[in-house]
Amino acid sequence: MIEIRGLHKSFGTRAVLAGIDLAVGQGESLCVIGQSGMGKSVLLKCILGLEAPDAGQVLWQGRPLDQATRPAFMARFGMLFQGAALFDSLSVWQNVAFRLRQRMPDHKARPIALEKMARVGLGPETADLMPAQLSGGMAKRAGLARAIADDPEVIFFDEPTTGLDPIRAARINALIRSIVTETGATAITITHDMDSVRAIGDRVMLLQDGRLAWEGPVAAMEGAAPLAGFLGHDPAGQG
């Protein structure tokens, strides 16, 4: 579904990505880990076209992502932002239906939004609340409902459990895993939370000094020496 070939990105003299090769299959859930400043967010921005790589290619379904193909890709992806990033001036259902409302009237968009909200455990009584009235866990659920509102083929999750207590984080992880499994969407998650990796991921990759330091199935993590510093504890502040 998504392939990256020889991706390089520098800012000034600092090489953030130094030749990344990666392929993510349809329906696969990939988790990207690494310490702060190792290029996780830059990798995501290059896929989304928010940063132009210095060299290399990003491909979607075997085609280079360029001016001709990117609009179709952007129409088929969803994203859960760190902190949910809800629009303060819109109600919950309007946030969830943000993309839908660009191409259909509200009386058609609202039922779809309510359906997606129910999928993540938000009842209709929350539809007309404003984001400021939501708890952190509810805001994350609203952000997740928005990410899946238009039935995307690719979903990105940026630190999906940041700011949540362990119980709420576990619930969000379980929701993400079930949604990815049920929809067959391809998922890429940036996280420092190894509990999220174990719950969400099929495969994990470690970015270190701009390079791919380790890659493999989640089941193989425990015996991987490069991951020793990430396993057995939550490296707070390293995401």
C-alpha atoms as a PDB file:
ATOM      1  CA  MET A   1       0.000   0.000   0.000  1.00  0.00           C
ATOM      2  CA  ILE A   2       2.801   2.427   0.939  1.00  0.00           C
ATOM      3  CA  GLU A   3       6.435   2.068  -0.079  1.00  0.00           C
ATOM      4  CA  ILE A   4       9.402   4.291   0.704  1.00  0.00           C
ATOM      5  CA  ARG A   5      12.610   4.048  -1.307  1.00  0.00           C
ATOM      6  CA  GLY A   6      15.891   5.675  -0.306  1.00  0.00           C
ATOM      7  CA  LEU A   7      14.277   8.583   1.530  1.00  0.00           C
ATOM      8  CA  HIS A   8      16.644  11.379   2.577  1.00  0.00           C
ATOM      9  CA  LYS A   9      15.746  14.588   4.396  1.00  0.00           C
ATOM     10  CA  SER A  10      18.095  17.120   5.966  1.00  0.00           C
ATOM     11  CA  PHE A  11      17.580  20.423   7.716  1.00  0.00           C
ATOM     12  CA  GLY A  12      20.702  22.476   7.225  1.00  0.00           C
ATOM     13  CA  THR A  13      23.657  20.209   7.936  1.00  0.00           C
ATOM     14  CA  ARG A  14      21.627  17.777  10.028  1.00  0.00           C
ATOM     15  CA  ALA A  15      20.477  14.617   8.266  1.00  0.00           C
ATOM     16  CA  VAL A  16      17.163  13.595   9.825  1.00  0.00           C
ATOM     17  CA  LEU A  17      16.411  10.776   7.387  1.00  0.00           C
ATOM     18  CA  ALA A  18      19.432   9.128   5.812  1.00  0.00           C
ATOM     19  CA  GLY A  19      18.184   6.571   3.321  1.00  0.00           C
ATOM     20  CA  ILE A  20      14.980   4.949   4.607  1.00  0.00           C
ATOM     21  CA  ASP A  21      13.527   1.944   2.759  1.00  0.00           C
ATOM     22  CA  LEU A  22      10.153   0.689   3.938  1.00  0.00           C
ATOM     23  CA  ALA A  23       7.070  -1.118   2.665  1.00  0.00           C
ATOM     24  CA  VAL A  24       3.701  -1.381   4.422  1.00  0.00           C
ATOM     25  CA  GLY A  25       1.216  -3.871   3.025  1.00  0.00           C
ATOM     26  CA  GLN A  26      -2.537  -3.535   2.707  1.00  0.00           C
ATOM     27  CA  GLY A  27      -4.211  -4.141   6.049  1.00  0.00           C
ATOM     28  CA  GLU A  28      -0.882  -4.120   7.912  1.00  0.00           C
ATOM     29  CA  SER A  29      -0.342  -2.150  11.109  1.00  0.00           C
ATOM     30  CA  LEU A  30       3.169  -0.693  11.427  1.00  0.00           C
ATOM     31  CA  CYS A  31       4.460   1.070  14.544  1.00  0.00           C
ATOM     32  CA  VAL A  32       7.410   3.474  14.267  1.00  0.00           C
ATOM     33  CA  ILE A  33       9.428   4.061  17.431  1.00  0.00           C
ATOM     34  CA  GLY A  34      12.579   5.978  18.293  1.00  0.00           C
ATOM     35  CA  GLN A  35      13.914   8.665  20.573  1.00  0.00           C
ATOM     36  CA  SER A  36      13.013  12.310  20.085  1.00  0.00           C
ATOM     37  CA  GLY A  37      14.607  13.863  17.028  1.00  0.00           C
ATOM     38  CA  MET A  38      15.190  10.571  15.222  1.00  0.00           C
ATOM     39  CA  GLY A  39      12.930  11.410  12.298  1.00  0.00           C
ATOM     40  CA  LYS A  40       9.594   9.755  13.100  1.00  0.00           C
ATOM     41  CA  SER A  41       7.470  12.845  12.548  1.00  0.00           C
ATOM     42  CA  VAL A  42       9.530  13.931   9.541  1.00  0.00           C
ATOM     43  CA  LEU A  43       8.945  10.506   7.971  1.00  0.00           C
ATOM     44  CA  LEU A  44       5.206  10.957   8.416  1.00  0.00           C
ATOM     45  CA  LYS A  45       5.335  14.494   7.005  1.00  0.00           C
ATOM     46  CA  CYS A  46       7.199  13.254   3.926  1.00  0.00           C
ATOM     47  CA  ILE A  47       4.517  10.622   3.306  1.00  0.00           C
ATOM     48  CA  LEU A  48       1.795  13.254   3.656  1.00  0.00           C
ATOM     49  CA  GLY A  49       3.609  15.749   1.459  1.00  0.00           C
ATOM     50  CA  LEU A  50       4.068  18.294   4.251  1.00  0.00           C
ATOM     51  CA  GLU A  51       7.838  18.036   3.765  1.00  0.00           C
ATOM     52  CA  ALA A  52       9.572  17.469   0.427  1.00  0.00           C
ATOM     53  CA  PRO A  53      12.307  14.814   0.663  1.00  0.00           C
ATOM     54  CA  ASP A  54      15.769  15.701  -0.591  1.00  0.00           C
ATOM     55  CA  ALA A  55      16.028  12.347  -2.344  1.00  0.00           C
ATOM     56  CA  GLY A  56      14.063   9.138  -2.650  1.00  0.00           C
ATOM     57  CA  GLN A  57      10.454   8.286  -3.377  1.00  0.00           C
ATOM     58  CA  VAL A  58       7.175   7.689  -1.587  1.00  0.00           C
ATOM     59  CA  LEU A  59       4.833   5.349  -3.468  1.00  0.00           C
ATOM     60  CA  TRP A  60       1.167   4.570  -2.916  1.00  0.00           C
ATOM     61  CA  GLN A  61      -0.191   1.384  -4.463  1.00  0.00           C
ATOM     62  CA  GLY A  62       2.945   1.203  -6.583  1.00  0.00           C
ATOM     63  CA  ARG A  63       2.674   4.739  -7.974  1.00  0.00           C
ATOM     64  CA  PRO A  64       4.909   7.657  -6.957  1.00  0.00           C
ATOM     65  CA  LEU A  65       3.089  10.204  -4.847  1.00  0.00           C
ATOM     66  CA  ASP A  66       3.268  13.365  -6.926  1.00  0.00           C
ATOM     67  CA  GLN A  67       0.991  16.190  -7.998  1.00  0.00           C
ATOM     68  CA  ALA A  68      -1.044  13.796 -10.139  1.00  0.00           C
ATOM     69  CA  THR A  69      -1.565  11.008  -7.589  1.00  0.00           C
ATOM     70  CA  ARG A  70      -1.514  12.848  -4.256  1.00  0.00           C
ATOM     71  CA  PRO A  71      -5.103  14.192  -4.400  1.00  0.00           C
ATOM     72  CA  ALA A  72      -6.473  10.642  -4.662  1.00  0.00           C
ATOM     73  CA  PHE A  73      -4.226   9.530  -1.801  1.00  0.00           C
ATOM     74  CA  MET A  74      -5.257  12.453   0.397  1.00  0.00           C
ATOM     75  CA  ALA A  75      -8.908  11.563  -0.197  1.00  0.00           C
ATOM     76  CA  ARG A  76      -8.296   8.021   1.084  1.00  0.00           C
ATOM     77  CA  PHE A  77      -6.394   8.652   4.316  1.00  0.00           C
ATOM     78  CA  GLY A  78      -7.435   9.467   7.867  1.00  0.00           C
ATOM     79  CA  MET A  79      -5.397  10.692  10.800  1.00  0.00           C
ATOM     80  CA  LEU A  80      -5.621  10.758  14.568  1.00  0.00           C
ATOM     81  CA  PHE A  81      -3.495  13.689  15.676  1.00  0.00           C
ATOM     82  CA  GLN A  82      -1.599  13.886  18.926  1.00  0.00           C
ATOM     83  CA  GLY A  83      -3.935  15.563  21.402  1.00  0.00           C
ATOM     84  CA  ALA A  84      -6.860  14.844  19.024  1.00  0.00           C
ATOM     85  CA  ALA A  85      -6.570  18.389  17.523  1.00  0.00           C
ATOM     86  CA  LEU A  86     -10.303  18.995  17.440  1.00  0.00           C
ATOM     87  CA  PHE A  87     -11.580  22.305  16.086  1.00  0.00           C
ATOM     88  CA  ASP A  88     -12.644  24.354  19.112  1.00  0.00           C
ATOM     89  CA  SER A  89     -15.386  26.211  17.240  1.00  0.00           C
ATOM     90  CA  LEU A  90     -17.125  23.063  15.954  1.00  0.00           C
ATOM     91  CA  SER A  91     -19.311  20.656  17.890  1.00  0.00           C
ATOM     92  CA  VAL A  92     -18.250  17.035  18.297  1.00  0.00           C
ATOM     93  CA  TRP A  93     -20.336  15.747  15.407  1.00  0.00           C
ATOM     94  CA  GLN A  94     -19.173  18.591  13.177  1.00  0.00           C
ATOM     95  CA  ASN A  95     -15.577  17.700  13.989  1.00  0.00           C
ATOM     96  CA  VAL A  96     -16.189  14.054  13.177  1.00  0.00           C
ATOM     97  CA  ALA A  97     -17.957  14.959   9.922  1.00  0.00           C
ATOM     98  CA  PHE A  98     -15.450  17.645   8.926  1.00  0.00           C
ATOM     99  CA  ARG A  99     -14.431  15.974   5.673  1.00  0.00           C
ATOM    100  CA  LEU A 100     -17.913  14.679   4.926  1.00  0.00           C
ATOM    101  CA  ARG A 101     -19.390  18.176   5.156  1.00  0.00           C
ATOM    102  CA  GLN A 102     -17.158  19.298   2.305  1.00  0.00           C
ATOM    103  CA  ARG A 103     -19.137  17.154  -0.124  1.00  0.00           C
ATOM    104  CA  MET A 104     -22.583  16.537   1.387  1.00  0.00           C
ATOM    105  CA  PRO A 105     -25.249  18.482   3.300  1.00  0.00           C
ATOM    106  CA  ASP A 106     -25.361  18.323   7.087  1.00  0.00           C
ATOM    107  CA  HIS A 107     -28.532  16.220   7.177  1.00  0.00           C
ATOM    108  CA  LYS A 108     -26.597  13.437   5.430  1.00  0.00           C
ATOM    109  CA  ALA A 109     -23.269  13.965   7.192  1.00  0.00           C
ATOM    110  CA  ARG A 110     -24.633  13.944  10.744  1.00  0.00           C
ATOM    111  CA  PRO A 111     -26.020  10.348  10.703  1.00  0.00           C
ATOM    112  CA  ILE A 112     -22.671   9.075   9.413  1.00  0.00           C
ATOM    113  CA  ALA A 113     -20.870  11.022  12.151  1.00  0.00           C
ATOM    114  CA  LEU A 114     -23.171   9.548  14.819  1.00  0.00           C
ATOM    115  CA  GLU A 115     -22.511   6.058  13.467  1.00  0.00           C
ATOM    116  CA  LYS A 116     -18.731   6.535  13.659  1.00  0.00           C
ATOM    117  CA  MET A 117     -19.048   8.063  17.124  1.00  0.00           C
ATOM    118  CA  ALA A 118     -20.995   5.017  18.284  1.00  0.00           C
ATOM    119  CA  ARG A 119     -18.212   2.835  16.880  1.00  0.00           C
ATOM    120  CA  VAL A 120     -15.725   4.444  19.280  1.00  0.00           C
ATOM    121  CA  GLY A 121     -18.082   4.509  22.246  1.00  0.00           C
ATOM    122  CA  LEU A 122     -19.454   8.049  22.050  1.00  0.00           C
ATOM    123  CA  GLY A 123     -23.214   8.256  22.429  1.00  0.00           C
ATOM    124  CA  PRO A 124     -25.534  10.682  20.606  1.00  0.00           C
ATOM    125  CA  GLU A 125     -25.738  12.826  23.741  1.00  0.00           C
ATOM    126  CA  THR A 126     -22.158  13.979  23.024  1.00  0.00           C
ATOM    127  CA  ALA A 127     -22.872  15.030  19.430  1.00  0.00           C
ATOM    128  CA  ASP A 128     -23.639  18.671  20.172  1.00  0.00           C
ATOM    129  CA  LEU A 129     -21.063  19.169  22.912  1.00  0.00           C
ATOM    130  CA  MET A 130     -18.081  21.399  22.247  1.00  0.00           C
ATOM    131  CA  PRO A 131     -14.511  20.032  22.493  1.00  0.00           C
ATOM    132  CA  ALA A 132     -13.873  22.005  25.697  1.00  0.00           C
ATOM    133  CA  GLN A 133     -16.608  19.952  27.373  1.00  0.00           C
ATOM    134  CA  LEU A 134     -14.883  16.629  26.669  1.00  0.00           C
ATOM    135  CA  SER A 135     -12.458  14.689  28.844  1.00  0.00           C
ATOM    136  CA  GLY A 136      -9.107  13.715  27.367  1.00  0.00           C
ATOM    137  CA  GLY A 137     -10.294  10.200  26.612  1.00  0.00           C
ATOM    138  CA  MET A 138     -13.498  11.435  24.970  1.00  0.00           C
ATOM    139  CA  ALA A 139     -11.525  13.889  22.828  1.00  0.00           C
ATOM    140  CA  LYS A 140      -9.283  11.054  21.651  1.00  0.00           C
ATOM    141  CA  ARG A 141     -12.362   9.012  20.746  1.00  0.00           C
ATOM    142  CA  ALA A 142     -13.814  11.948  18.820  1.00  0.00           C
ATOM    143  CA  GLY A 143     -10.518  12.330  16.981  1.00  0.00           C
ATOM    144  CA  LEU A 144     -10.539   8.622  16.178  1.00  0.00           C
ATOM    145  CA  ALA A 145     -14.124   8.838  14.910  1.00  0.00           C
ATOM    146  CA  ARG A 146     -13.062  11.720  12.642  1.00  0.00           C
ATOM    147  CA  ALA A 147     -10.117   9.655  11.359  1.00  0.00           C
ATOM    148  CA  ILE A 148     -12.421   6.830  10.235  1.00  0.00           C
ATOM    149  CA  ALA A 149     -15.438   8.942   9.204  1.00  0.00           C
ATOM    150  CA  ASP A 150     -14.768   8.665   5.473  1.00  0.00           C
ATOM    151  CA  ASP A 151     -13.758   4.959   5.536  1.00  0.00           C
ATOM    152  CA  PRO A 152     -10.077   5.565   4.721  1.00  0.00           C
ATOM    153  CA  GLU A 153      -7.744   2.997   3.207  1.00  0.00           C
ATOM    154  CA  VAL A 154      -4.762   4.365   5.164  1.00  0.00           C
ATOM    155  CA  ILE A 155      -4.831   5.690   8.746  1.00  0.00           C
ATOM    156  CA  PHE A 156      -2.019   7.481  10.569  1.00  0.00           C
ATOM    157  CA  PHE A 157      -1.887   7.630  14.353  1.00  0.00           C
ATOM    158  CA  ASP A 158       0.417  10.209  15.954  1.00  0.00           C
ATOM    159  CA  GLU A 159       1.110   9.310  19.601  1.00  0.00           C
ATOM    160  CA  PRO A 160      -2.475   8.063  20.102  1.00  0.00           C
ATOM    161  CA  THR A 161      -2.217   7.548  23.871  1.00  0.00           C
ATOM    162  CA  THR A 162      -0.241  10.651  24.887  1.00  0.00           C
ATOM    163  CA  GLY A 163      -1.821  12.356  27.900  1.00  0.00           C
ATOM    164  CA  LEU A 164      -4.065   9.432  28.817  1.00  0.00           C
ATOM    165  CA  ASP A 165      -3.947   7.369  31.981  1.00  0.00           C
ATOM    166  CA  PRO A 166      -3.148   3.634  31.534  1.00  0.00           C
ATOM    167  CA  ILE A 167      -6.784   2.513  31.595  1.00  0.00           C
ATOM    168  CA  ARG A 168      -7.932   5.034  28.975  1.00  0.00           C
ATOM    169  CA  ALA A 169      -4.792   4.360  26.916  1.00  0.00           C
ATOM    170  CA  ALA A 170      -5.546   0.634  26.894  1.00  0.00           C
ATOM    171  CA  ARG A 171      -9.083   1.336  25.699  1.00  0.00           C
ATOM    172  CA  ILE A 172      -7.859   3.555  22.861  1.00  0.00           C
ATOM    173  CA  ASN A 173      -5.307   0.913  21.855  1.00  0.00           C
ATOM    174  CA  ALA A 174      -8.021  -1.747  21.782  1.00  0.00           C
ATOM    175  CA  LEU A 175     -10.273   0.504  19.695  1.00  0.00           C
ATOM    176  CA  ILE A 176      -7.518   1.210  17.184  1.00  0.00           C
ATOM    177  CA  ARG A 177      -6.650  -2.474  16.873  1.00  0.00           C
ATOM    178  CA  SER A 178     -10.273  -3.486  16.337  1.00  0.00           C
ATOM    179  CA  ILE A 179     -10.886  -0.715  13.790  1.00  0.00           C
ATOM    180  CA  VAL A 180      -7.779  -1.605  11.787  1.00  0.00           C
ATOM    181  CA  THR A 181      -8.719  -5.289  11.845  1.00  0.00           C
ATOM    182  CA  GLU A 182     -12.369  -4.750  10.912  1.00  0.00           C
ATOM    183  CA  THR A 183     -11.796  -2.178   8.154  1.00  0.00           C
ATOM    184  CA  GLY A 184      -8.689  -3.727   6.626  1.00  0.00           C
ATOM    185  CA  ALA A 185      -7.060  -0.292   6.573  1.00  0.00           C
ATOM    186  CA  THR A 186      -3.310   0.106   6.433  1.00  0.00           C
ATOM    187  CA  ALA A 187      -2.095   1.776   9.641  1.00  0.00           C
ATOM    188  CA  ILE A 188       1.097   3.624  10.556  1.00  0.00           C
ATOM    189  CA  THR A 189       1.462   4.610  14.205  1.00  0.00           C
ATOM    190  CA  ILE A 190       4.135   6.873  15.689  1.00  0.00           C
ATOM    191  CA  THR A 191       4.488   6.145  19.372  1.00  0.00           C
ATOM    192  CA  HIS A 192       6.860   5.877  22.325  1.00  0.00           C
ATOM    193  CA  ASP A 193       4.388   3.721  24.261  1.00  0.00           C
ATOM    194  CA  MET A 194       5.472   0.087  23.979  1.00  0.00           C
ATOM    195  CA  ASP A 195       2.085  -1.040  25.304  1.00  0.00           C
ATOM    196  CA  SER A 196       0.585   0.629  22.223  1.00  0.00           C
ATOM    197  CA  VAL A 197       3.081  -1.165  19.996  1.00  0.00           C
ATOM    198  CA  ARG A 198       2.142  -4.531  21.482  1.00  0.00           C
ATOM    199  CA  ALA A 199      -1.588  -3.808  21.228  1.00  0.00           C
ATOM    200  CA  ILE A 200      -1.746  -2.098  17.838  1.00  0.00           C
ATOM    201  CA  GLY A 201       1.152  -3.316  15.746  1.00  0.00           C
ATOM    202  CA  ASP A 202       1.810  -6.216  13.447  1.00  0.00           C
ATOM    203  CA  ARG A 203       5.310  -4.952  12.743  1.00  0.00           C
ATOM    204  CA  VAL A 204       7.614  -2.417  14.374  1.00  0.00           C
ATOM    205  CA  MET A 205      10.518  -0.342  13.088  1.00  0.00           C
ATOM    206  CA  LEU A 206      13.106   1.569  15.095  1.00  0.00           C
ATOM    207  CA  LEU A 207      14.500   4.827  13.706  1.00  0.00           C
ATOM    208  CA  GLN A 208      17.903   5.790  15.029  1.00  0.00           C
ATOM    209  CA  ASP A 209      20.200   8.521  13.711  1.00  0.00           C
ATOM    210  CA  GLY A 210      18.033   8.859  10.628  1.00  0.00           C
ATOM    211  CA  ARG A 211      18.314   5.204   9.676  1.00  0.00           C
ATOM    212  CA  LEU A 212      16.290   2.059  10.097  1.00  0.00           C
ATOM    213  CA  ALA A 213      18.023   0.422  13.063  1.00  0.00           C
ATOM    214  CA  TRP A 214      15.668  -2.551  13.456  1.00  0.00           C
ATOM    215  CA  GLU A 215      12.559  -3.883  11.800  1.00  0.00           C
ATOM    216  CA  GLY A 216      10.520  -6.982  12.495  1.00  0.00           C
ATOM    217  CA  PRO A 217       7.276  -8.459  13.783  1.00  0.00           C
ATOM    218  CA  VAL A 218       6.022  -7.301  17.163  1.00  0.00           C
ATOM    219  CA  ALA A 219       6.355 -10.888  18.411  1.00  0.00           C
ATOM    220  CA  ALA A 220      10.137 -10.711  17.845  1.00  0.00           C
ATOM    221  CA  MET A 221      10.714  -7.532  19.857  1.00  0.00           C
ATOM    222  CA  GLU A 222      11.664  -9.123  23.151  1.00  0.00           C
ATOM    223  CA  GLY A 223      14.825 -10.715  21.786  1.00  0.00           C
ATOM    224  CA  ALA A 224      15.984  -7.732  19.734  1.00  0.00           C
ATOM    225  CA  ALA A 225      19.060  -6.066  21.219  1.00  0.00           C
ATOM    226  CA  PRO A 226      18.493  -2.657  19.531  1.00  0.00           C
ATOM    227  CA  LEU A 227      15.124  -2.421  21.309  1.00  0.00           C
ATOM    228  CA  ALA A 228      16.433  -3.186  24.788  1.00  0.00           C
ATOM    229  CA  GLY A 229      16.169   0.430  25.902  1.00  0.00           C
ATOM    230  CA  PHE A 230      12.498   0.583  24.912  1.00  0.00           C
ATOM    231  CA  LEU A 231      11.250  -2.648  26.420  1.00  0.00           C
ATOM    232  CA  GLY A 232      10.091  -3.197  29.958  1.00  0.00           C
ATOM    233  CA  HIS A 233       9.416   0.484  30.690  1.00  0.00           C
ATOM    234  CA  ASP A 234       7.802   3.532  29.156  1.00  0.00           C
ATOM    235  CA  PRO A 235      10.565   5.866  27.935  1.00  0.00           C
ATOM    236  CA  ALA A 236       8.597   9.021  28.779  1.00  0.00           C
ATOM    237  CA  GLY A 237       9.513  12.013  26.737  1.00  0.00           C
ATOM    238  CA  GLN A 238      11.313  10.012  24.058  1.00  0.00           C
ATOM    239  CA  GLY A 239       8.469   9.835  21.547  1.00  0.00           C
END
